[in-house]
Amino acid sequence: MTNIIVEFIKLFERVKEDRIKILEGEIDLVYIR
């Protein structure tokens, strides 16, 4: 039961990191233009 919660938190953290990377990429594109 606890393992499921841990895996869910890991997955959530990974998704959050990916979103931040995407946002940073979009900001970089705006500055390049």
PDB file of N, CA and C in Angstrom:
ATOM      1  N   MET A   1       0.849  -1.203   0.000  1.00  0.00           N
ATOM      2  CA  MET A   1       0.000   0.000   0.000  1.00  0.00           C
ATOM      3  C   MET A   1       0.880   1.247   0.000  1.00  0.00           C
ATOM      4  N   THR A   2       1.875   1.273   0.871  1.00  0.00           N
ATOM      5  CA  THR A   2       2.765   2.451   0.961  1.00  0.00           C
ATOM      6  C   THR A   2       3.548   2.620  -0.335  1.00  0.00           C
ATOM      7  N   ASN A   3       3.959   1.506  -0.954  1.00  0.00           N
ATOM      8  CA  ASN A   3       4.737   1.571  -2.189  1.00  0.00           C
ATOM      9  C   ASN A   3       3.972   2.286  -3.295  1.00  0.00           C
ATOM     10  N   ILE A   4       2.664   2.061  -3.376  1.00  0.00           N
ATOM     11  CA  ILE A   4       1.830   2.700  -4.387  1.00  0.00           C
ATOM     12  C   ILE A   4       1.877   4.220  -4.211  1.00  0.00           C
ATOM     13  N   ILE A   5       1.775   4.672  -2.981  1.00  0.00           N
ATOM     14  CA  ILE A   5       1.815   6.110  -2.682  1.00  0.00           C
ATOM     15  C   ILE A   5       3.171   6.690  -3.072  1.00  0.00           C
ATOM     16  N   VAL A   6       4.248   5.983  -2.724  1.00  0.00           N
ATOM     17  CA  VAL A   6       5.606   6.440  -3.055  1.00  0.00           C
ATOM     18  C   VAL A   6       5.767   6.556  -4.567  1.00  0.00           C
ATOM     19  N   GLU A   7       5.326   5.539  -5.299  1.00  0.00           N
ATOM     20  CA  GLU A   7       5.428   5.552  -6.765  1.00  0.00           C
ATOM     21  C   GLU A   7       4.626   6.712  -7.352  1.00  0.00           C
ATOM     22  N   PHE A   8       3.464   6.965  -6.801  1.00  0.00           N
ATOM     23  CA  PHE A   8       2.606   8.056  -7.273  1.00  0.00           C
ATOM     24  C   PHE A   8       3.303   9.403  -7.078  1.00  0.00           C
ATOM     25  N   ILE A   9       3.918   9.581  -5.907  1.00  0.00           N
ATOM     26  CA  ILE A   9       4.642  10.826  -5.614  1.00  0.00           C
ATOM     27  C   ILE A   9       5.814  10.989  -6.583  1.00  0.00           C
ATOM     28  N   LYS A  10       6.560   9.913  -6.831  1.00  0.00           N
ATOM     29  CA  LYS A  10       7.689   9.960  -7.776  1.00  0.00           C
ATOM     30  C   LYS A  10       7.194  10.379  -9.155  1.00  0.00           C
ATOM     31  N   LEU A  11       6.090   9.765  -9.595  1.00  0.00           N
ATOM     32  CA  LEU A  11       5.515  10.075 -10.906  1.00  0.00           C
ATOM     33  C   LEU A  11       5.102  11.546 -10.970  1.00  0.00           C
ATOM     34  N   PHE A  12       4.447  12.030  -9.920  1.00  0.00           N
ATOM     35  CA  PHE A  12       4.008  13.427  -9.846  1.00  0.00           C
ATOM     36  C   PHE A  12       5.199  14.370  -9.940  1.00  0.00           C
ATOM     37  N   GLU A  13       6.276  14.067  -9.196  1.00  0.00           N
ATOM     38  CA  GLU A  13       7.488  14.899  -9.218  1.00  0.00           C
ATOM     39  C   GLU A  13       8.094  14.935 -10.616  1.00  0.00           C
ATOM     40  N   ARG A  14       8.108  13.791 -11.292  1.00  0.00           N
ATOM     41  CA  ARG A  14       8.676  13.710 -12.638  1.00  0.00           C
ATOM     42  C   ARG A  14       7.862  14.564 -13.609  1.00  0.00           C
ATOM     43  N   VAL A  15       6.552  14.467 -13.532  1.00  0.00           N
ATOM     44  CA  VAL A  15       5.668  15.256 -14.400  1.00  0.00           C
ATOM     45  C   VAL A  15       5.882  16.746 -14.146  1.00  0.00           C
ATOM     46  N   LYS A  16       6.001  17.134 -12.870  1.00  0.00           N
ATOM     47  CA  LYS A  16       6.222  18.535 -12.508  1.00  0.00           C
ATOM     48  C   LYS A  16       7.535  19.036 -13.106  1.00  0.00           C
ATOM     49  N   GLU A  17       8.583  18.214 -13.010  1.00  0.00           N
ATOM     50  CA  GLU A  17       9.890  18.574 -13.582  1.00  0.00           C
ATOM     51  C   GLU A  17       9.780  18.752 -15.091  1.00  0.00           C
ATOM     52  N   ASP A  18       9.073  17.841 -15.755  1.00  0.00           N
ATOM     53  CA  ASP A  18       8.906  17.933 -17.204  1.00  0.00           C
ATOM     54  C   ASP A  18       8.185  19.219 -17.584  1.00  0.00           C
ATOM     55  N   ARG A  19       7.156  19.596 -16.834  1.00  0.00           N
ATOM     56  CA  ARG A  19       6.424  20.833 -17.108  1.00  0.00           C
ATOM     57  C   ARG A  19       7.325  22.050 -16.953  1.00  0.00           C
ATOM     58  N   ILE A  20       8.159  22.056 -15.926  1.00  0.00           N
ATOM     59  CA  ILE A  20       9.093  23.166 -15.708  1.00  0.00           C
ATOM     60  C   ILE A  20      10.066  23.245 -16.889  1.00  0.00           C
ATOM     61  N   LYS A  21      10.578  22.112 -17.348  1.00  0.00           N
ATOM     62  CA  LYS A  21      11.498  22.078 -18.487  1.00  0.00           C
ATOM     63  C   LYS A  21      10.819  22.633 -19.730  1.00  0.00           C
ATOM     64  N   ILE A  22       9.555  22.240 -19.964  1.00  0.00           N
ATOM     65  CA  ILE A  22       8.790  22.722 -21.121  1.00  0.00           C
ATOM     66  C   ILE A  22       8.599  24.238 -21.029  1.00  0.00           C
ATOM     67  N   LEU A  23       8.236  24.723 -19.846  1.00  0.00           N
ATOM     68  CA  LEU A  23       8.065  26.163 -19.641  1.00  0.00           C
ATOM     69  C   LEU A  23       9.363  26.913 -19.891  1.00  0.00           C
ATOM     70  N   GLU A  24      10.476  26.387 -19.376  1.00  0.00           N
ATOM     71  CA  GLU A  24      11.781  27.011 -19.588  1.00  0.00           C
ATOM     72  C   GLU A  24      12.113  27.035 -21.073  1.00  0.00           C
ATOM     73  N   GLY A  25      11.807  25.959 -21.777  1.00  0.00           N
ATOM     74  CA  GLY A  25      12.035  25.888 -23.224  1.00  0.00           C
ATOM     75  C   GLY A  25      11.234  26.943 -23.968  1.00  0.00           C
ATOM     76  N   GLU A  26       9.974  27.141 -23.575  1.00  0.00           N
ATOM     77  CA  GLU A  26       9.125  28.152 -24.205  1.00  0.00           C
ATOM     78  C   GLU A  26       9.674  29.551 -23.940  1.00  0.00           C
ATOM     79  N   ILE A  27      10.145  29.794 -22.719  1.00  0.00           N
ATOM     80  CA  ILE A  27      10.724  31.094 -22.369  1.00  0.00           C
ATOM     81  C   ILE A  27      11.974  31.333 -23.216  1.00  0.00           C
ATOM     82  N   ASP A  28      12.804  30.301 -23.388  1.00  0.00           N
ATOM     83  CA  ASP A  28      14.011  30.410 -24.218  1.00  0.00           C
ATOM     84  C   ASP A  28      13.629  30.780 -25.645  1.00  0.00           C
ATOM     85  N   LEU A  29      12.597  30.153 -26.183  1.00  0.00           N
ATOM     86  CA  LEU A  29      12.157  30.450 -27.546  1.00  0.00           C
ATOM     87  C   LEU A  29      11.724  31.911 -27.673  1.00  0.00           C
ATOM     88  N   VAL A  30      11.004  32.405 -26.674  1.00  0.00           N
ATOM     89  CA  VAL A  30      10.541  33.801 -26.689  1.00  0.00           C
ATOM     90  C   VAL A  30      11.732  34.752 -26.690  1.00  0.00           C
ATOM     91  N   TYR A  31      12.730  34.467 -25.870  1.00  0.00           N
ATOM     92  CA  TYR A  31      13.910  35.350 -25.788  1.00  0.00           C
ATOM     93  C   TYR A  31      14.732  35.298 -27.077  1.00  0.00           C
ATOM     94  N   ILE A  32      14.804  34.108 -27.720  1.00  0.00           N
ATOM     95  CA  ILE A  32      15.553  33.972 -28.974  1.00  0.00           C
ATOM     96  C   ILE A  32      14.903  34.855 -30.045  1.00  0.00           C
ATOM     97  N   ARG A  33      13.594  34.892 -30.107  1.00  0.00           N
ATOM     98  CA  ARG A  33      12.886  35.723 -31.072  1.00  0.00           C
ATOM     99  C   ARG A  33      13.112  37.183 -30.731  1.00  0.00           C
TER     100      ARG A  33
END
